[in-house]
N, C-alpha and C. Protein backbone atom coordinates (compact mmCIF):
# COMPACT_ATOMS: atom_id res chain seq x y z
N MET A 1 77.71 76.42 75.52
CA MET A 1 76.93 77.77 76.22
C MET A 1 76.11 77.63 77.34
N ILE A 2 75.62 76.52 77.61
CA ILE A 2 75.28 76.51 79.05
C ILE A 2 76.22 76.32 79.86
N SER A 3 77.56 75.77 79.92
CA SER A 3 78.64 76.07 80.81
C SER A 3 78.83 77.58 80.98
N THR A 4 78.61 78.48 80.01
CA THR A 4 78.80 79.75 80.06
C THR A 4 77.81 80.40 81.09
N TYR A 5 76.48 80.32 80.69
CA TYR A 5 75.35 80.38 81.67
C TYR A 5 75.76 79.99 83.15
N ARG A 6 76.24 78.79 83.29
CA ARG A 6 76.50 78.23 84.47
C ARG A 6 77.31 79.06 85.33
N PHE A 7 78.41 79.38 84.61
CA PHE A 7 79.47 80.36 85.18
C PHE A 7 79.16 81.62 85.67
N LEU A 8 78.00 82.12 84.58
CA LEU A 8 77.71 83.68 85.12
C LEU A 8 76.72 83.50 86.19
N VAL A 9 76.22 82.38 86.13
CA VAL A 9 75.15 82.46 87.34
C VAL A 9 75.79 82.31 88.66
N GLY A 10 76.99 81.35 88.97
CA GLY A 10 77.76 81.22 89.87
C GLY A 10 78.33 82.32 90.19
N LEU A 11 78.97 83.31 89.27
CA LEU A 11 79.66 84.33 89.53
C LEU A 11 78.93 85.57 90.25
N ILE A 12 77.47 85.64 89.53
CA ILE A 12 76.48 86.45 90.16
C ILE A 12 76.18 85.90 91.74
N GLY A 13 75.87 84.69 91.86
CA GLY A 13 75.85 84.07 93.29
C GLY A 13 76.86 84.50 94.14
N LEU A 14 77.95 84.42 93.77
CA LEU A 14 79.14 84.44 94.63
C LEU A 14 79.34 85.96 94.91
N ALA A 15 78.85 87.00 94.00
CA ALA A 15 79.02 88.61 94.33
C ALA A 15 77.77 88.77 95.52
N ALA A 16 76.68 87.85 95.15
CA ALA A 16 75.58 88.22 96.10
C ALA A 16 76.09 87.80 97.36
N VAL A 17 76.94 86.67 97.63
CA VAL A 17 77.41 85.84 98.85
C VAL A 17 78.14 86.99 99.58
N VAL A 18 79.19 87.58 98.69
CA VAL A 18 80.08 88.48 99.28
C VAL A 18 79.35 89.73 99.53
N ILE A 19 78.38 90.23 99.28
CA ILE A 19 77.62 91.57 99.63
C ILE A 19 76.83 91.11 100.95
N SER A 20 76.07 90.13 100.90
CA SER A 20 75.36 89.53 101.93
C SER A 20 76.38 89.16 103.06
N ALA A 21 77.40 88.69 102.97
CA ALA A 21 78.10 88.43 104.09
C ALA A 21 78.60 89.62 104.66
N THR A 22 79.31 90.46 103.63
CA THR A 22 79.80 91.68 104.18
C THR A 22 78.65 92.68 105.05
N LEU A 23 77.27 92.68 104.64
CA LEU A 23 76.05 93.26 105.33
C LEU A 23 76.05 92.67 106.52
N PHE A 24 76.16 91.27 106.80
CA PHE A 24 75.90 90.54 107.91
C PHE A 24 76.91 91.01 108.80
N LEU A 25 78.11 90.95 108.54
CA LEU A 25 79.47 91.29 109.41
C LEU A 25 79.34 92.67 109.81
N VAL A 26 78.75 93.73 108.97
CA VAL A 26 78.98 94.89 109.33
C VAL A 26 77.53 95.07 110.29
N LYS A 27 76.41 94.42 110.15
CA LYS A 27 75.30 94.74 111.12
C LYS A 27 75.63 94.08 112.53
N SER A 28 76.27 92.74 112.47
CA SER A 28 76.82 92.28 113.79
C SER A 28 77.89 93.01 114.14
N GLY A 29 78.60 94.04 113.84
CA GLY A 29 79.53 94.86 114.57
C GLY A 29 80.93 94.26 114.27
N ALA A 30 81.19 93.27 113.69
CA ALA A 30 82.42 92.53 113.17
C ALA A 30 83.30 93.10 112.58
N ILE A 31 82.95 94.10 111.32
CA ILE A 31 83.77 94.79 110.79
C ILE A 31 83.00 96.18 110.74
N THR A 32 83.91 97.19 109.96
CA THR A 32 83.45 98.42 109.59
C THR A 32 82.76 98.53 108.20
N SER A 33 81.88 98.96 107.93
CA SER A 33 81.56 98.92 106.41
C SER A 33 82.54 99.52 105.71
N PRO A 34 82.83 98.63 104.53
CA PRO A 34 83.84 99.16 103.27
C PRO A 34 83.08 100.15 102.43
N SER A 35 83.80 101.25 102.63
CA SER A 35 83.24 102.50 101.59
C SER A 35 83.09 101.92 100.06
N PHE A 36 83.87 101.10 99.49
CA PHE A 36 84.00 100.87 98.55
C PHE A 36 83.72 99.28 98.17
N GLY A 37 82.67 98.84 98.86
CA GLY A 37 82.36 97.53 99.04
C GLY A 37 81.72 97.20 97.89
N ASN A 38 80.60 97.85 97.26
CA ASN A 38 79.72 97.49 96.17
C ASN A 38 80.68 97.69 95.05
N ALA A 39 81.41 98.86 94.86
CA ALA A 39 82.13 99.00 93.71
C ALA A 39 83.22 97.87 93.55
N THR A 40 84.06 97.26 94.71
CA THR A 40 84.91 96.42 94.41
C THR A 40 84.47 95.17 93.94
N THR A 41 83.02 95.00 94.76
CA THR A 41 82.30 93.60 94.17
C THR A 41 82.04 93.64 92.70
N MET A 42 81.63 94.85 92.14
CA MET A 42 81.12 94.95 90.79
C MET A 42 82.28 94.81 89.95
N VAL A 43 83.36 95.56 90.43
CA VAL A 43 84.82 95.46 89.75
C VAL A 43 85.17 93.96 89.45
N LEU A 44 85.46 93.48 90.33
CA LEU A 44 85.77 91.82 90.55
C LEU A 44 85.09 91.15 89.59
N THR A 45 83.72 91.01 89.83
CA THR A 45 82.77 90.19 88.92
C THR A 45 82.77 90.59 87.71
N LEU A 46 83.00 91.94 87.01
CA LEU A 46 83.20 92.43 85.80
C LEU A 46 84.52 91.86 85.37
N SER A 47 85.68 91.73 85.80
CA SER A 47 86.80 91.56 85.59
C SER A 47 86.83 90.00 85.39
N THR A 48 86.19 89.03 86.16
CA THR A 48 86.23 87.83 86.34
C THR A 48 85.56 87.16 85.01
N ALA A 49 84.49 87.95 84.67
CA ALA A 49 83.32 87.61 83.61
C ALA A 49 84.51 87.74 82.38
N ILE A 50 84.86 89.17 82.09
CA ILE A 50 85.65 89.07 80.98
C ILE A 50 86.93 88.29 80.79
N ILE A 51 87.52 87.98 81.69
CA ILE A 51 88.91 87.21 81.86
C ILE A 51 87.97 85.73 81.40
N PHE A 52 87.27 85.15 81.80
CA PHE A 52 86.23 83.99 81.56
C PHE A 52 85.94 83.73 79.95
N PHE A 53 85.53 84.88 79.57
CA PHE A 53 85.07 84.89 78.05
C PHE A 53 86.43 85.06 77.10
N PHE A 54 87.20 85.64 77.86
CA PHE A 54 88.70 85.62 76.87
C PHE A 54 89.31 84.24 76.95
N LEU A 55 89.13 83.45 78.24
CA LEU A 55 90.01 82.37 78.11
C LEU A 55 89.02 81.08 77.39
N GLN A 56 87.83 81.39 77.52
CA GLN A 56 86.74 80.35 76.73
C GLN A 56 87.12 80.37 75.22
N ARG A 57 87.68 81.53 74.53
CA ARG A 57 87.96 81.53 73.25
C ARG A 57 89.19 80.97 72.90
N THR A 58 90.06 80.47 73.60
CA THR A 58 91.36 79.83 73.70
C THR A 58 91.15 78.53 72.88
N ASN A 59 92.14 78.12 71.90
CA ASN A 59 91.81 76.97 71.20
C ASN A 59 92.12 75.76 72.28
N PRO A 60 90.84 74.93 72.49
CA PRO A 60 91.23 73.65 73.17
C PRO A 60 92.16 72.92 72.86
N GLY A 61 92.71 72.89 71.75
CA GLY A 61 93.71 71.90 71.37
C GLY A 61 95.10 72.25 71.87
N GLN A 62 95.20 73.51 72.05
CA GLN A 62 96.63 74.17 72.42
C GLN A 62 96.41 74.35 73.87
N PRO A 63 96.86 73.30 74.72
CA PRO A 63 96.76 73.55 76.54
C PRO A 63 97.78 74.82 76.59
N LEU A 64 99.11 74.56 75.78
CA LEU A 64 99.92 75.78 76.38
C LEU A 64 99.57 77.24 76.21
N ASP A 65 98.74 77.33 75.19
CA ASP A 65 98.03 78.50 74.64
C ASP A 65 96.96 79.02 76.30
N PHE A 66 96.32 78.05 76.58
CA PHE A 66 95.55 78.30 77.70
C PHE A 66 96.35 78.62 78.84
N VAL A 67 97.38 77.87 79.25
CA VAL A 67 98.15 78.19 80.36
C VAL A 67 98.92 79.63 80.54
N ARG A 68 99.08 79.82 79.12
CA ARG A 68 99.90 81.37 78.69
C ARG A 68 98.82 82.47 78.74
N ASN A 69 97.77 82.11 78.47
CA ASN A 69 96.68 83.23 78.72
C ASN A 69 96.01 83.14 79.91
N PHE A 70 95.85 82.34 80.89
CA PHE A 70 95.75 82.34 81.98
C PHE A 70 96.61 83.00 82.96
N MET A 71 97.90 82.58 82.76
CA MET A 71 98.80 83.37 83.60
C MET A 71 98.93 84.81 83.06
N LEU A 72 98.72 85.23 81.81
CA LEU A 72 98.59 86.68 81.62
C LEU A 72 97.53 87.50 82.15
N THR A 73 96.40 86.66 82.36
CA THR A 73 95.32 87.26 82.74
C THR A 73 95.46 87.40 84.31
N LEU A 74 96.03 86.56 85.10
CA LEU A 74 96.34 86.73 86.56
C LEU A 74 97.28 87.99 86.66
N VAL A 75 98.45 88.01 85.89
CA VAL A 75 99.33 88.88 86.17
C VAL A 75 98.52 90.22 86.03
N LEU A 76 97.71 90.56 84.76
CA LEU A 76 97.12 91.62 84.57
C LEU A 76 95.99 92.01 85.68
N LYS A 77 95.25 90.85 86.04
CA LYS A 77 94.38 91.22 87.30
C LYS A 77 95.00 91.76 88.47
N ILE A 78 96.18 91.26 88.68
CA ILE A 78 96.99 91.51 89.97
C ILE A 78 97.53 93.12 89.75
N ILE A 79 98.04 93.52 88.70
CA ILE A 79 98.30 94.93 88.16
C ILE A 79 97.35 95.97 88.37
N LEU A 80 96.34 95.49 87.68
CA LEU A 80 94.90 96.51 87.86
C LEU A 80 94.56 96.69 88.99
N GLY A 81 94.50 95.44 89.75
CA GLY A 81 93.79 95.28 91.00
C GLY A 81 94.71 96.38 92.03
N GLY A 82 95.98 96.16 91.69
CA GLY A 82 96.84 97.28 92.55
C GLY A 82 96.43 98.65 92.27
N CYS A 83 96.37 98.79 90.95
CA CYS A 83 95.90 100.49 90.44
C CYS A 83 94.47 100.87 91.05
N TYR A 84 93.81 99.93 91.10
CA TYR A 84 92.32 99.86 91.95
C TYR A 84 92.43 100.11 93.40
N VAL A 85 93.32 99.58 94.20
CA VAL A 85 93.59 99.69 95.34
C VAL A 85 94.33 101.23 95.59
N LEU A 86 95.17 101.32 94.96
CA LEU A 86 95.94 102.91 95.09
C LEU A 86 94.86 104.16 95.02
N VAL A 87 93.88 104.13 93.88
CA VAL A 87 92.89 105.01 93.64
C VAL A 87 91.90 105.05 94.96
N ILE A 88 91.58 103.67 95.46
CA ILE A 88 90.68 103.59 96.73
C ILE A 88 91.51 104.24 97.88
N LEU A 89 92.85 104.11 97.86
CA LEU A 89 93.50 104.84 99.11
C LEU A 89 93.45 106.25 99.00
N ARG A 90 93.67 106.71 97.53
CA ARG A 90 93.52 108.19 97.48
C ARG A 90 92.36 108.82 97.45
N LEU A 91 91.28 107.94 97.32
CA LEU A 91 89.77 108.55 97.58
C LEU A 91 89.25 108.52 99.12
N ASP A 92 89.75 107.66 99.74
CA ASP A 92 89.37 107.35 101.08
C ASP A 92 90.41 106.51 102.10
N PRO A 93 91.47 107.61 102.44
CA PRO A 93 92.27 107.38 103.30
C PRO A 93 92.19 107.05 104.58
N ALA A 94 91.05 107.26 105.12
CA ALA A 94 90.22 107.00 106.57
C ALA A 94 89.82 105.85 106.36
N GLY A 95 89.16 104.98 105.34
CA GLY A 95 88.67 103.66 105.40
C GLY A 95 89.72 102.70 104.61
N ALA A 96 90.90 103.06 104.52
CA ALA A 96 92.09 102.42 103.71
C ALA A 96 92.15 100.74 104.34
N ASN A 97 92.08 100.61 105.38
CA ASN A 97 92.34 99.28 106.20
C ASN A 97 91.07 98.25 105.63
N THR A 98 89.93 98.90 105.97
CA THR A 98 88.78 98.03 105.73
C THR A 98 88.53 97.87 104.14
N ASN A 99 88.81 98.78 103.48
CA ASN A 99 88.70 98.57 102.13
C ASN A 99 89.59 97.68 101.16
N VAL A 100 90.93 97.86 101.76
CA VAL A 100 92.03 97.07 101.23
C VAL A 100 91.91 95.43 101.62
N ALA A 101 91.29 95.43 103.03
CA ALA A 101 91.11 94.01 103.55
C ALA A 101 89.75 93.35 102.68
N PHE A 102 88.80 94.18 102.49
CA PHE A 102 87.80 93.37 101.68
C PHE A 102 88.32 93.03 100.20
N PHE A 103 89.12 94.04 99.78
CA PHE A 103 89.54 93.76 98.28
C PHE A 103 90.24 92.65 98.24
N ILE A 104 91.18 92.49 99.47
CA ILE A 104 92.22 91.21 99.13
C ILE A 104 91.15 89.88 99.36
N VAL A 105 90.15 89.83 100.37
CA VAL A 105 89.34 88.69 100.57
C VAL A 105 88.42 88.46 99.30
N SER A 106 88.13 89.49 98.98
CA SER A 106 87.27 89.55 97.63
C SER A 106 87.81 88.88 96.08
N TYR A 107 88.98 89.39 96.37
CA TYR A 107 89.95 89.12 95.18
C TYR A 107 90.33 87.51 95.18
N ILE A 108 90.60 87.01 96.44
CA ILE A 108 90.88 85.61 96.48
C ILE A 108 89.66 85.09 96.17
N LEU A 109 88.46 85.26 96.79
CA LEU A 109 87.34 84.36 96.28
C LEU A 109 86.86 84.19 95.01
N PHE A 110 86.90 85.38 94.23
CA PHE A 110 86.80 85.58 92.96
C PHE A 110 87.86 84.81 91.97
N THR A 111 89.08 84.94 92.44
CA THR A 111 90.11 84.30 91.67
C THR A 111 89.84 82.66 91.79
N ALA A 112 89.83 82.45 93.05
CA ALA A 112 89.30 80.62 93.52
C ALA A 112 88.27 80.14 92.76
N TYR A 113 87.28 80.95 92.68
CA TYR A 113 86.07 80.38 91.78
C TYR A 113 86.39 80.19 90.35
N GLU A 114 87.03 81.15 89.77
CA GLU A 114 87.46 80.96 88.59
C GLU A 114 88.67 80.20 88.15
N ILE A 115 89.60 80.02 89.26
CA ILE A 115 90.59 78.68 89.03
C ILE A 115 89.80 77.44 89.12
N ALA A 116 89.01 77.57 90.20
CA ALA A 116 88.11 75.74 90.21
C ALA A 116 87.49 75.76 89.17
N TRP A 117 86.65 76.61 88.58
CA TRP A 117 85.70 76.34 87.58
C TRP A 117 86.66 75.94 86.16
N PHE A 118 87.77 76.52 85.81
CA PHE A 118 88.59 76.07 84.94
C PHE A 118 89.31 74.85 85.24
N ALA A 119 89.57 74.62 86.14
CA ALA A 119 90.16 73.03 86.77
C ALA A 119 89.40 71.99 86.57
N ILE A 120 88.10 72.29 87.16
CA ILE A 120 86.87 71.34 86.80
C ILE A 120 86.75 71.07 85.19
N GLN A 121 86.54 72.22 84.47
CA GLN A 121 86.10 72.10 83.28
C GLN A 121 87.53 71.33 82.32
N LYS A 122 88.52 71.77 82.33
CA LYS A 122 89.68 71.16 81.83
C LYS A 122 89.83 69.93 82.13
N ASN A 123 89.80 69.35 83.46
CA ASN A 123 90.08 68.08 84.00
C ASN A 123 88.79 67.39 83.18
N ALA A 124 87.80 67.50 83.04
CA ALA A 124 86.56 66.97 82.41
C ALA A 124 86.89 66.80 81.10
N GLU A 125 87.58 67.42 80.36
CA GLU A 125 88.07 67.16 78.72
C GLU A 125 88.88 66.15 78.33
């Protein structure tokens, strides 16, 4: 139970870092503001939390089930992420480059956090 709270605190911290870094880069003029930046961060935070809870329920005695479920969640996350990007492109074609770049960088960060967490947790078992 404590590891769940630690994961969620780290996830919220990552979301805060992503938003803060984006605001800093926008204020410094390095990038233009992504119009869907906050929505993208919330979607990725929520999806990562849902995937975490799904994978936590996997039977620890069956490592192949964990790998199968993990790969399934990655594929679903990619497919649903693509649908989300298509919606963003339809709603804001002028800001497409900034929004898609923000999504890709955020997706990589949140997925890396999730993979690192489970790698450390599973190696400790």
